[in-house]
Amino acid sequence: MSADLEPRLVIVRHGETEWSKAYKHTGRSDIPLTDHGREAAAALRPMLAGRSFALVLTSPLQRARTTAALAGFPEAEVCDDLLEWDYGDEEGRTSAEIREERPGWSIWSDGPKNGEPIAHVAVRAERVIDRALAAGGDTLAFGHGHILRILTARWLALHPEIGKRFLLATAAPSTLGWEHDYRVIETWSCGAS
């Protein structure tokens, strides 16, 4: 099959929240968008208008669902596999705060205390990829920073920890696509300020 005919996966991290602005680990806490986050989400509408999607998915958390709705996709299908990483005891804390207790700590290599192992997040990401590849056309997915970065690593057949190398802006679409027979990043954080 030609790369032009292969299904693409467009991923969008939700708009800004107070916690994302403060660099706090925001996993399962259902934090709303800031006014700026709502404006950035609405600005996605013209960027995504005119694109045809066979499947539109969103995390069940309000920051992702609101972003999807403001971007013009209020009927996005809720997908639990797009939930953010369960940060356990690290929820609501910054990396700097955690490193005061655990010097050198990294979510990517050490994981969250009493939270979800990265391998479990990767399995969820792979299920989203499988759905996108079977959708019969392009897929649009609204989610969260870490799950989408891990999803990108798995799209590229890389270890989930490589997700740490992909800085993903809020409310900025990225396209995971194809070149020849290889899955690639076609665009990354487009429209980010």
N, C-alpha and C. Protein backbone atom coordinates (compact mmCIF):
# COMPACT_ATOMS: atom_id res chain seq x y z
N MET A 1 0.85 -1.19 0.00
CA MET A 1 0.00 0.00 0.00
C MET A 1 0.89 1.24 0.00
N SER A 2 0.49 2.23 -0.76
CA SER A 2 1.23 3.49 -0.83
C SER A 2 1.13 4.23 0.50
N ALA A 3 2.21 4.95 0.86
CA ALA A 3 2.20 5.74 2.10
C ALA A 3 1.08 6.78 2.06
N ASP A 4 0.69 7.24 0.86
CA ASP A 4 -0.40 8.21 0.74
C ASP A 4 -1.73 7.62 1.16
N LEU A 5 -1.85 6.29 1.11
CA LEU A 5 -3.10 5.62 1.45
C LEU A 5 -3.11 5.08 2.87
N GLU A 6 -1.98 5.05 3.53
CA GLU A 6 -1.91 4.54 4.90
C GLU A 6 -2.59 5.51 5.85
N PRO A 7 -3.28 4.99 6.85
CA PRO A 7 -3.96 5.88 7.80
C PRO A 7 -2.97 6.64 8.68
N ARG A 8 -3.25 7.92 8.84
CA ARG A 8 -2.43 8.77 9.71
C ARG A 8 -3.12 8.89 11.06
N LEU A 9 -2.34 9.22 12.05
CA LEU A 9 -2.84 9.45 13.40
C LEU A 9 -2.44 10.85 13.81
N VAL A 10 -3.43 11.73 13.94
CA VAL A 10 -3.18 13.11 14.37
C VAL A 10 -3.45 13.15 15.87
N ILE A 11 -2.44 13.57 16.63
CA ILE A 11 -2.56 13.62 18.09
C ILE A 11 -2.56 15.08 18.54
N VAL A 12 -3.37 15.35 19.58
CA VAL A 12 -3.45 16.71 20.12
C VAL A 12 -3.45 16.62 21.64
N ARG A 13 -2.45 17.23 22.25
CA ARG A 13 -2.45 17.38 23.70
C ARG A 13 -3.47 18.45 24.06
N HIS A 14 -4.17 18.24 25.15
CA HIS A 14 -5.17 19.21 25.61
C HIS A 14 -4.56 20.61 25.78
N GLY A 15 -5.43 21.61 25.87
CA GLY A 15 -4.99 22.98 26.14
C GLY A 15 -4.43 23.13 27.54
N GLU A 16 -3.88 24.28 27.79
CA GLU A 16 -3.23 24.59 29.07
C GLU A 16 -4.20 24.48 30.25
N THR A 17 -3.68 23.94 31.37
CA THR A 17 -4.38 23.96 32.66
C THR A 17 -3.46 24.68 33.65
N GLU A 18 -4.00 24.99 34.82
CA GLU A 18 -3.15 25.62 35.86
C GLU A 18 -2.00 24.68 36.22
N TRP A 19 -2.26 23.38 36.29
CA TRP A 19 -1.21 22.44 36.65
C TRP A 19 -0.19 22.26 35.53
N SER A 20 -0.62 22.21 34.28
CA SER A 20 0.37 22.06 33.20
C SER A 20 1.24 23.30 33.12
N LYS A 21 0.65 24.47 33.36
CA LYS A 21 1.40 25.72 33.37
C LYS A 21 2.45 25.72 34.48
N ALA A 22 2.16 25.06 35.58
CA ALA A 22 3.07 25.00 36.74
C ALA A 22 3.97 23.76 36.69
N TYR A 23 3.91 22.99 35.61
CA TYR A 23 4.73 21.78 35.43
C TYR A 23 4.45 20.71 36.49
N LYS A 24 3.21 20.66 36.97
CA LYS A 24 2.82 19.62 37.93
C LYS A 24 2.37 18.39 37.16
N HIS A 25 2.74 17.22 37.68
CA HIS A 25 2.28 15.97 37.08
C HIS A 25 0.77 15.88 37.24
N THR A 26 0.08 15.87 36.12
CA THR A 26 -1.37 15.87 36.11
C THR A 26 -1.84 14.60 35.43
N GLY A 27 -2.07 13.58 36.21
CA GLY A 27 -2.51 12.31 35.66
C GLY A 27 -4.01 12.21 35.61
N ARG A 28 -4.58 11.68 36.68
CA ARG A 28 -6.02 11.40 36.69
C ARG A 28 -6.83 12.52 37.33
N SER A 29 -6.19 13.54 37.90
CA SER A 29 -6.93 14.68 38.44
C SER A 29 -7.65 15.36 37.28
N ASP A 30 -8.91 15.70 37.48
CA ASP A 30 -9.71 16.25 36.38
C ASP A 30 -9.69 17.77 36.42
N ILE A 31 -8.58 18.34 35.98
CA ILE A 31 -8.32 19.77 36.04
C ILE A 31 -8.88 20.45 34.78
N PRO A 32 -9.61 21.57 34.93
CA PRO A 32 -10.15 22.26 33.75
C PRO A 32 -9.08 23.08 33.02
N LEU A 33 -9.42 23.47 31.81
CA LEU A 33 -8.54 24.35 31.04
C LEU A 33 -8.56 25.76 31.62
N THR A 34 -7.45 26.46 31.47
CA THR A 34 -7.41 27.89 31.77
C THR A 34 -8.10 28.63 30.64
N ASP A 35 -8.33 29.93 30.80
CA ASP A 35 -8.89 30.73 29.71
C ASP A 35 -7.99 30.66 28.48
N HIS A 36 -6.67 30.74 28.72
CA HIS A 36 -5.72 30.63 27.61
C HIS A 36 -5.83 29.25 26.95
N GLY A 37 -5.98 28.21 27.75
CA GLY A 37 -6.13 26.86 27.22
C GLY A 37 -7.37 26.72 26.36
N ARG A 38 -8.46 27.37 26.77
CA ARG A 38 -9.71 27.33 26.00
C ARG A 38 -9.53 28.08 24.67
N GLU A 39 -8.85 29.21 24.72
CA GLU A 39 -8.60 29.98 23.49
C GLU A 39 -7.74 29.18 22.51
N ALA A 40 -6.69 28.54 23.03
CA ALA A 40 -5.81 27.75 22.17
C ALA A 40 -6.55 26.55 21.58
N ALA A 41 -7.43 25.94 22.38
CA ALA A 41 -8.22 24.81 21.89
C ALA A 41 -9.16 25.27 20.76
N ALA A 42 -9.80 26.42 20.93
CA ALA A 42 -10.68 26.95 19.89
C ALA A 42 -9.90 27.29 18.62
N ALA A 43 -8.64 27.71 18.79
CA ALA A 43 -7.80 28.04 17.63
C ALA A 43 -7.44 26.81 16.81
N LEU A 44 -7.64 25.62 17.36
CA LEU A 44 -7.40 24.39 16.61
C LEU A 44 -8.44 24.19 15.50
N ARG A 45 -9.63 24.74 15.70
CA ARG A 45 -10.74 24.51 14.78
C ARG A 45 -10.35 24.77 13.32
N PRO A 46 -9.81 25.94 12.97
CA PRO A 46 -9.46 26.15 11.56
C PRO A 46 -8.29 25.27 11.10
N MET A 47 -7.41 24.89 12.01
CA MET A 47 -6.29 24.01 11.63
C MET A 47 -6.77 22.62 11.25
N LEU A 48 -7.84 22.16 11.90
CA LEU A 48 -8.33 20.81 11.68
C LEU A 48 -9.53 20.76 10.73
N ALA A 49 -10.12 21.93 10.44
CA ALA A 49 -11.29 22.00 9.56
C ALA A 49 -10.92 21.48 8.17
N GLY A 50 -11.86 20.80 7.58
CA GLY A 50 -11.63 20.30 6.23
C GLY A 50 -10.91 18.97 6.17
N ARG A 51 -10.37 18.53 7.30
CA ARG A 51 -9.73 17.20 7.34
C ARG A 51 -10.81 16.16 7.59
N SER A 52 -10.67 15.04 6.96
CA SER A 52 -11.62 13.95 7.13
C SER A 52 -11.01 12.91 8.07
N PHE A 53 -11.75 12.57 9.12
CA PHE A 53 -11.28 11.57 10.09
C PHE A 53 -12.28 10.43 10.17
N ALA A 54 -11.79 9.22 10.03
CA ALA A 54 -12.63 8.04 10.16
C ALA A 54 -12.97 7.78 11.62
N LEU A 55 -12.11 8.26 12.52
CA LEU A 55 -12.27 8.01 13.95
C LEU A 55 -11.74 9.21 14.71
N VAL A 56 -12.49 9.69 15.69
CA VAL A 56 -12.04 10.77 16.57
C VAL A 56 -12.21 10.27 18.00
N LEU A 57 -11.10 10.27 18.73
CA LEU A 57 -11.07 9.76 20.10
C LEU A 57 -10.65 10.86 21.07
N THR A 58 -11.08 10.72 22.32
CA THR A 58 -10.63 11.64 23.36
C THR A 58 -10.51 10.90 24.68
N SER A 59 -9.57 11.33 25.48
CA SER A 59 -9.50 10.89 26.87
C SER A 59 -10.79 11.30 27.55
N PRO A 60 -11.22 10.56 28.58
CA PRO A 60 -12.44 10.95 29.29
C PRO A 60 -12.29 12.17 30.19
N LEU A 61 -11.07 12.61 30.44
CA LEU A 61 -10.87 13.74 31.35
C LEU A 61 -11.29 15.05 30.69
N GLN A 62 -11.85 15.96 31.50
CA GLN A 62 -12.47 17.17 30.94
C GLN A 62 -11.49 18.04 30.15
N ARG A 63 -10.22 18.07 30.51
CA ARG A 63 -9.30 18.93 29.78
C ARG A 63 -9.14 18.46 28.33
N ALA A 64 -9.20 17.16 28.10
CA ALA A 64 -9.12 16.63 26.73
C ALA A 64 -10.47 16.74 26.03
N ARG A 65 -11.56 16.40 26.72
CA ARG A 65 -12.89 16.48 26.11
C ARG A 65 -13.24 17.92 25.73
N THR A 66 -12.89 18.87 26.60
CA THR A 66 -13.15 20.28 26.30
C THR A 66 -12.33 20.74 25.10
N THR A 67 -11.08 20.32 25.04
CA THR A 67 -10.23 20.67 23.90
C THR A 67 -10.84 20.12 22.62
N ALA A 68 -11.29 18.86 22.64
CA ALA A 68 -11.91 18.26 21.46
C ALA A 68 -13.14 19.05 21.04
N ALA A 69 -13.99 19.39 22.00
CA ALA A 69 -15.23 20.11 21.68
C ALA A 69 -14.94 21.49 21.11
N LEU A 70 -14.02 22.22 21.73
CA LEU A 70 -13.70 23.57 21.24
C LEU A 70 -13.01 23.53 19.88
N ALA A 71 -12.32 22.42 19.60
CA ALA A 71 -11.65 22.26 18.30
C ALA A 71 -12.62 21.85 17.20
N GLY A 72 -13.89 21.60 17.58
CA GLY A 72 -14.89 21.26 16.58
C GLY A 72 -15.29 19.80 16.55
N PHE A 73 -14.91 19.06 17.60
CA PHE A 73 -15.21 17.63 17.63
C PHE A 73 -15.90 17.24 18.95
N PRO A 74 -17.09 17.83 19.20
CA PRO A 74 -17.80 17.55 20.45
C PRO A 74 -18.28 16.11 20.57
N GLU A 75 -18.39 15.41 19.45
CA GLU A 75 -18.87 14.02 19.47
C GLU A 75 -17.73 13.01 19.51
N ALA A 76 -16.52 13.45 19.87
CA ALA A 76 -15.39 12.52 19.94
C ALA A 76 -15.72 11.36 20.87
N GLU A 77 -15.30 10.18 20.47
CA GLU A 77 -15.54 8.97 21.26
C GLU A 77 -14.59 8.92 22.45
N VAL A 78 -15.13 8.73 23.63
CA VAL A 78 -14.30 8.63 24.83
C VAL A 78 -13.54 7.30 24.79
N CYS A 79 -12.24 7.40 25.03
CA CYS A 79 -11.34 6.23 24.97
C CYS A 79 -10.49 6.21 26.23
N ASP A 80 -10.77 5.27 27.12
CA ASP A 80 -10.03 5.17 28.38
C ASP A 80 -8.54 4.93 28.16
N ASP A 81 -8.17 4.34 27.03
CA ASP A 81 -6.75 4.09 26.77
C ASP A 81 -5.96 5.39 26.60
N LEU A 82 -6.66 6.51 26.36
CA LEU A 82 -6.00 7.81 26.22
C LEU A 82 -5.87 8.56 27.55
N LEU A 83 -6.30 7.94 28.66
CA LEU A 83 -6.08 8.56 29.96
C LEU A 83 -4.59 8.82 30.17
N GLU A 84 -4.28 9.87 30.88
CA GLU A 84 -2.88 10.16 31.18
C GLU A 84 -2.33 9.09 32.12
N TRP A 85 -1.03 9.00 32.15
CA TRP A 85 -0.28 8.11 33.05
C TRP A 85 -0.81 8.31 34.46
N ASP A 86 -1.04 7.24 35.18
CA ASP A 86 -1.45 7.32 36.58
C ASP A 86 -0.18 7.56 37.40
N TYR A 87 -0.04 8.77 37.92
CA TYR A 87 1.19 9.17 38.60
C TYR A 87 1.25 8.76 40.06
N GLY A 88 0.23 8.12 40.58
CA GLY A 88 0.28 7.65 41.96
C GLY A 88 0.61 8.77 42.92
N ASP A 89 1.63 8.55 43.76
CA ASP A 89 2.02 9.52 44.78
C ASP A 89 2.62 10.81 44.20
N GLU A 90 2.96 10.80 42.91
CA GLU A 90 3.59 11.97 42.29
C GLU A 90 2.54 12.96 41.75
N GLU A 91 1.26 12.57 41.79
CA GLU A 91 0.19 13.42 41.26
C GLU A 91 0.21 14.80 41.92
N GLY A 92 0.17 15.83 41.08
CA GLY A 92 0.13 17.21 41.56
C GLY A 92 1.47 17.77 42.01
N ARG A 93 2.53 17.01 41.82
CA ARG A 93 3.87 17.46 42.23
C ARG A 93 4.72 17.73 41.00
N THR A 94 5.68 18.63 41.14
CA THR A 94 6.62 18.89 40.06
C THR A 94 7.80 17.93 40.18
N SER A 95 8.52 17.78 39.09
CA SER A 95 9.72 16.93 39.13
C SER A 95 10.73 17.46 40.14
N ALA A 96 10.86 18.79 40.23
CA ALA A 96 11.80 19.39 41.18
C ALA A 96 11.43 19.02 42.62
N GLU A 97 10.14 19.05 42.94
CA GLU A 97 9.70 18.67 44.29
C GLU A 97 10.00 17.21 44.59
N ILE A 98 9.79 16.35 43.62
CA ILE A 98 10.04 14.92 43.82
C ILE A 98 11.54 14.67 43.99
N ARG A 99 12.36 15.40 43.22
CA ARG A 99 13.82 15.21 43.30
C ARG A 99 14.41 15.67 44.63
N GLU A 100 13.68 16.49 45.38
CA GLU A 100 14.15 16.86 46.72
C GLU A 100 14.18 15.63 47.63
N GLU A 101 13.27 14.70 47.40
CA GLU A 101 13.22 13.45 48.18
C GLU A 101 13.98 12.32 47.50
N ARG A 102 14.01 12.34 46.17
CA ARG A 102 14.62 11.26 45.38
C ARG A 102 15.55 11.88 44.34
N PRO A 103 16.77 12.26 44.75
CA PRO A 103 17.69 12.93 43.81
C PRO A 103 17.88 12.12 42.53
N GLY A 104 17.88 12.82 41.42
CA GLY A 104 18.09 12.19 40.12
C GLY A 104 16.85 11.50 39.55
N TRP A 105 15.72 11.61 40.24
CA TRP A 105 14.51 10.93 39.81
C TRP A 105 14.04 11.39 38.44
N SER A 106 13.52 10.47 37.65
CA SER A 106 12.89 10.76 36.36
C SER A 106 11.66 9.89 36.22
N ILE A 107 10.56 10.48 35.82
CA ILE A 107 9.34 9.70 35.57
C ILE A 107 9.60 8.63 34.53
N TRP A 108 10.48 8.94 33.58
CA TRP A 108 10.72 8.05 32.44
C TRP A 108 11.50 6.80 32.81
N SER A 109 12.45 6.92 33.70
CA SER A 109 13.27 5.75 34.06
C SER A 109 12.90 5.16 35.41
N ASP A 110 12.40 5.99 36.33
CA ASP A 110 12.11 5.52 37.68
C ASP A 110 10.62 5.26 37.91
N GLY A 111 9.79 5.90 37.11
CA GLY A 111 8.35 5.73 37.25
C GLY A 111 7.80 6.42 38.48
N PRO A 112 6.49 6.48 38.61
CA PRO A 112 5.87 7.11 39.77
C PRO A 112 5.72 6.11 40.92
N LYS A 113 5.93 6.59 42.13
CA LYS A 113 5.74 5.75 43.31
C LYS A 113 4.25 5.46 43.45
N ASN A 114 3.92 4.18 43.58
CA ASN A 114 2.53 3.71 43.71
C ASN A 114 1.66 4.12 42.53
N GLY A 115 2.28 4.23 41.36
CA GLY A 115 1.55 4.60 40.15
C GLY A 115 1.66 3.52 39.09
N GLU A 116 1.36 3.90 37.87
CA GLU A 116 1.31 2.97 36.75
C GLU A 116 2.70 2.77 36.14
N PRO A 117 3.14 1.54 35.93
CA PRO A 117 4.42 1.32 35.25
C PRO A 117 4.35 1.79 33.79
N ILE A 118 5.46 2.27 33.28
CA ILE A 118 5.50 2.77 31.91
C ILE A 118 5.08 1.70 30.91
N ALA A 119 5.39 0.44 31.20
CA ALA A 119 5.01 -0.64 30.29
C ALA A 119 3.49 -0.73 30.15
N HIS A 120 2.75 -0.44 31.21
CA HIS A 120 1.29 -0.46 31.13
C HIS A 120 0.78 0.70 30.28
N VAL A 121 1.41 1.86 30.41
CA VAL A 121 1.03 3.01 29.59
C VAL A 121 1.28 2.68 28.12
N ALA A 122 2.40 2.02 27.84
CA ALA A 122 2.73 1.65 26.46
C ALA A 122 1.71 0.69 25.87
N VAL A 123 1.21 -0.24 26.66
CA VAL A 123 0.19 -1.18 26.17
C VAL A 123 -1.08 -0.42 25.80
N ARG A 124 -1.47 0.55 26.63
CA ARG A 124 -2.65 1.36 26.30
C ARG A 124 -2.42 2.13 25.01
N ALA A 125 -1.21 2.71 24.86
CA ALA A 125 -0.88 3.47 23.65
C ALA A 125 -0.95 2.57 22.42
N GLU A 126 -0.46 1.36 22.55
CA GLU A 126 -0.48 0.42 21.41
C GLU A 126 -1.91 0.06 21.02
N ARG A 127 -2.82 -0.02 21.99
CA ARG A 127 -4.22 -0.29 21.65
C ARG A 127 -4.82 0.87 20.85
N VAL A 128 -4.44 2.11 21.20
CA VAL A 128 -4.91 3.27 20.43
C VAL A 128 -4.36 3.19 19.01
N ILE A 129 -3.10 2.87 18.87
CA ILE A 129 -2.48 2.73 17.54
C ILE A 129 -3.20 1.65 16.73
N ASP A 130 -3.48 0.51 17.35
CA ASP A 130 -4.18 -0.57 16.64
C ASP A 130 -5.55 -0.10 16.15
N ARG A 131 -6.27 0.64 16.98
CA ARG A 131 -7.58 1.17 16.56
C ARG A 131 -7.42 2.12 15.39
N ALA A 132 -6.40 2.99 15.46
CA ALA A 132 -6.18 3.95 14.38
C ALA A 132 -5.84 3.24 13.07
N LEU A 133 -5.02 2.22 13.14
CA LEU A 133 -4.63 1.51 11.92
C LEU A 133 -5.80 0.74 11.31
N ALA A 134 -6.78 0.38 12.12
CA ALA A 134 -7.93 -0.38 11.64
C ALA A 134 -9.13 0.51 11.30
N ALA A 135 -9.00 1.82 11.45
CA ALA A 135 -10.14 2.73 11.33
C ALA A 135 -10.64 2.94 9.90
N GLY A 136 -9.84 2.62 8.93
CA GLY A 136 -10.27 2.82 7.55
C GLY A 136 -10.05 4.23 7.04
N GLY A 137 -9.22 4.98 7.72
CA GLY A 137 -8.90 6.36 7.36
C GLY A 137 -8.12 6.99 8.49
N ASP A 138 -7.93 8.28 8.43
CA ASP A 138 -7.16 8.97 9.46
C ASP A 138 -7.92 9.02 10.78
N THR A 139 -7.15 9.07 11.87
CA THR A 139 -7.71 9.16 13.22
C THR A 139 -7.18 10.42 13.88
N LEU A 140 -8.05 11.06 14.66
CA LEU A 140 -7.69 12.22 15.48
C LEU A 140 -7.86 11.81 16.93
N ALA A 141 -6.84 12.05 17.75
CA ALA A 141 -6.88 11.64 19.15
C ALA A 141 -6.48 12.80 20.06
N PHE A 142 -7.37 13.14 21.00
CA PHE A 142 -7.11 14.18 21.99
C PHE A 142 -6.72 13.50 23.30
N GLY A 143 -5.56 13.88 23.83
CA GLY A 143 -5.08 13.25 25.06
C GLY A 143 -4.19 14.16 25.86
N HIS A 144 -3.16 13.56 26.43
CA HIS A 144 -2.31 14.21 27.43
C HIS A 144 -0.84 14.04 27.04
N GLY A 145 0.00 14.89 27.64
CA GLY A 145 1.41 14.95 27.27
C GLY A 145 2.16 13.64 27.29
N HIS A 146 2.16 12.94 28.42
CA HIS A 146 2.98 11.74 28.50
C HIS A 146 2.42 10.57 27.72
N ILE A 147 1.12 10.32 27.81
CA ILE A 147 0.55 9.20 27.04
C ILE A 147 0.79 9.40 25.55
N LEU A 148 0.65 10.64 25.05
CA LEU A 148 0.85 10.88 23.63
C LEU A 148 2.32 10.79 23.23
N ARG A 149 3.20 11.13 24.12
CA ARG A 149 4.64 10.98 23.83
C ARG A 149 5.03 9.51 23.80
N ILE A 150 4.46 8.72 24.70
CA ILE A 150 4.71 7.27 24.70
C ILE A 150 4.07 6.66 23.45
N LEU A 151 2.87 7.10 23.10
CA LEU A 151 2.22 6.62 21.89
C LEU A 151 3.10 6.90 20.67
N THR A 152 3.69 8.07 20.61
CA THR A 152 4.58 8.42 19.50
C THR A 152 5.78 7.48 19.44
N ALA A 153 6.39 7.22 20.58
CA ALA A 153 7.52 6.28 20.62
C ALA A 153 7.09 4.91 20.09
N ARG A 154 5.94 4.43 20.50
CA ARG A 154 5.46 3.12 20.05
C ARG A 154 5.08 3.15 18.57
N TRP A 155 4.54 4.28 18.06
CA TRP A 155 4.26 4.41 16.63
C TRP A 155 5.54 4.19 15.83
N LEU A 156 6.64 4.70 16.38
CA LEU A 156 7.94 4.58 15.71
C LEU A 156 8.66 3.28 16.05
N ALA A 157 7.99 2.38 16.78
CA ALA A 157 8.56 1.09 17.20
C ALA A 157 9.77 1.29 18.12
N LEU A 158 9.73 2.33 18.95
CA LEU A 158 10.79 2.63 19.90
C LEU A 158 10.34 2.28 21.31
N HIS A 159 11.30 2.12 22.21
CA HIS A 159 10.99 1.87 23.62
C HIS A 159 10.18 3.04 24.16
N PRO A 160 9.19 2.78 25.00
CA PRO A 160 8.34 3.87 25.50
C PRO A 160 9.11 4.99 26.20
N GLU A 161 10.25 4.67 26.81
CA GLU A 161 11.05 5.69 27.51
C GLU A 161 11.56 6.76 26.55
N ILE A 162 11.65 6.44 25.25
CA ILE A 162 12.11 7.42 24.26
C ILE A 162 11.12 8.58 24.16
N GLY A 163 9.91 8.39 24.65
CA GLY A 163 8.94 9.47 24.68
C GLY A 163 9.46 10.72 25.35
N LYS A 164 10.44 10.58 26.24
CA LYS A 164 11.02 11.74 26.91
C LYS A 164 11.70 12.69 25.93
N ARG A 165 12.00 12.22 24.73
CA ARG A 165 12.70 13.03 23.73
C ARG A 165 11.75 13.87 22.88
N PHE A 166 10.42 13.74 23.08
CA PHE A 166 9.45 14.45 22.27
C PHE A 166 8.74 15.50 23.11
N LEU A 167 9.15 16.74 22.99
CA LEU A 167 8.48 17.83 23.68
C LEU A 167 7.17 18.11 22.96
N LEU A 168 6.07 17.98 23.67
CA LEU A 168 4.75 18.11 23.05
C LEU A 168 4.03 19.31 23.64
N ALA A 169 3.81 20.31 22.81
CA ALA A 169 3.13 21.54 23.25
C ALA A 169 1.64 21.27 23.47
N THR A 170 1.02 22.12 24.27
CA THR A 170 -0.42 22.03 24.45
C THR A 170 -1.14 22.58 23.22
N ALA A 171 -2.29 21.99 22.92
CA ALA A 171 -3.18 22.45 21.84
C ALA A 171 -2.45 22.69 20.52
N ALA A 172 -1.62 21.75 20.13
CA ALA A 172 -0.88 21.86 18.88
C ALA A 172 -0.85 20.48 18.22
N PRO A 173 -1.51 20.32 17.07
CA PRO A 173 -1.58 19.00 16.45
C PRO A 173 -0.24 18.51 15.92
N SER A 174 -0.06 17.20 16.02
CA SER A 174 1.09 16.50 15.45
C SER A 174 0.55 15.36 14.61
N THR A 175 1.21 15.07 13.50
CA THR A 175 0.74 14.00 12.61
C THR A 175 1.76 12.88 12.57
N LEU A 176 1.29 11.70 12.91
CA LEU A 176 2.08 10.49 12.81
C LEU A 176 1.65 9.80 11.53
N GLY A 177 2.59 9.61 10.64
CA GLY A 177 2.23 9.08 9.32
C GLY A 177 3.25 8.09 8.80
N TRP A 178 3.52 8.20 7.51
CA TRP A 178 4.29 7.18 6.81
C TRP A 178 5.26 7.81 5.81
N GLU A 179 6.38 7.15 5.61
CA GLU A 179 7.23 7.37 4.45
C GLU A 179 7.60 5.98 3.95
N HIS A 180 7.23 5.69 2.73
CA HIS A 180 7.38 4.34 2.17
C HIS A 180 6.64 3.37 3.10
N ASP A 181 7.32 2.40 3.64
CA ASP A 181 6.69 1.41 4.53
C ASP A 181 6.99 1.68 6.00
N TYR A 182 7.51 2.85 6.31
CA TYR A 182 7.94 3.15 7.68
C TYR A 182 7.00 4.16 8.33
N ARG A 183 6.68 3.90 9.59
CA ARG A 183 5.89 4.89 10.33
C ARG A 183 6.84 5.99 10.80
N VAL A 184 6.43 7.25 10.60
CA VAL A 184 7.28 8.41 10.86
C VAL A 184 6.47 9.51 11.55
N ILE A 185 7.17 10.53 12.01
CA ILE A 185 6.54 11.77 12.44
C ILE A 185 6.50 12.68 11.22
N GLU A 186 5.31 13.03 10.76
CA GLU A 186 5.19 13.92 9.60
C GLU A 186 5.26 15.38 10.02
N THR A 187 4.54 15.74 11.08
CA THR A 187 4.59 17.09 11.63
C THR A 187 4.57 16.99 13.13
N TRP A 188 5.13 18.00 13.82
CA TRP A 188 5.20 17.93 15.27
C TRP A 188 4.82 19.27 15.89
N SER A 189 3.88 19.24 16.81
CA SER A 189 3.44 20.43 17.57
C SER A 189 3.22 21.64 16.68
N CYS A 190 2.49 21.44 15.59
CA CYS A 190 2.24 22.52 14.63
C CYS A 190 1.34 23.58 15.24
N GLY A 191 1.73 24.81 15.06
CA GLY A 191 0.94 25.93 15.56
C GLY A 191 1.27 26.30 16.99
N ALA A 192 2.22 25.60 17.60
CA ALA A 192 2.58 25.90 19.00
C ALA A 192 3.26 27.26 19.08
N SER A 193 2.96 27.95 20.18
CA SER A 193 3.58 29.27 20.36
C SER A 193 4.72 29.20 21.34
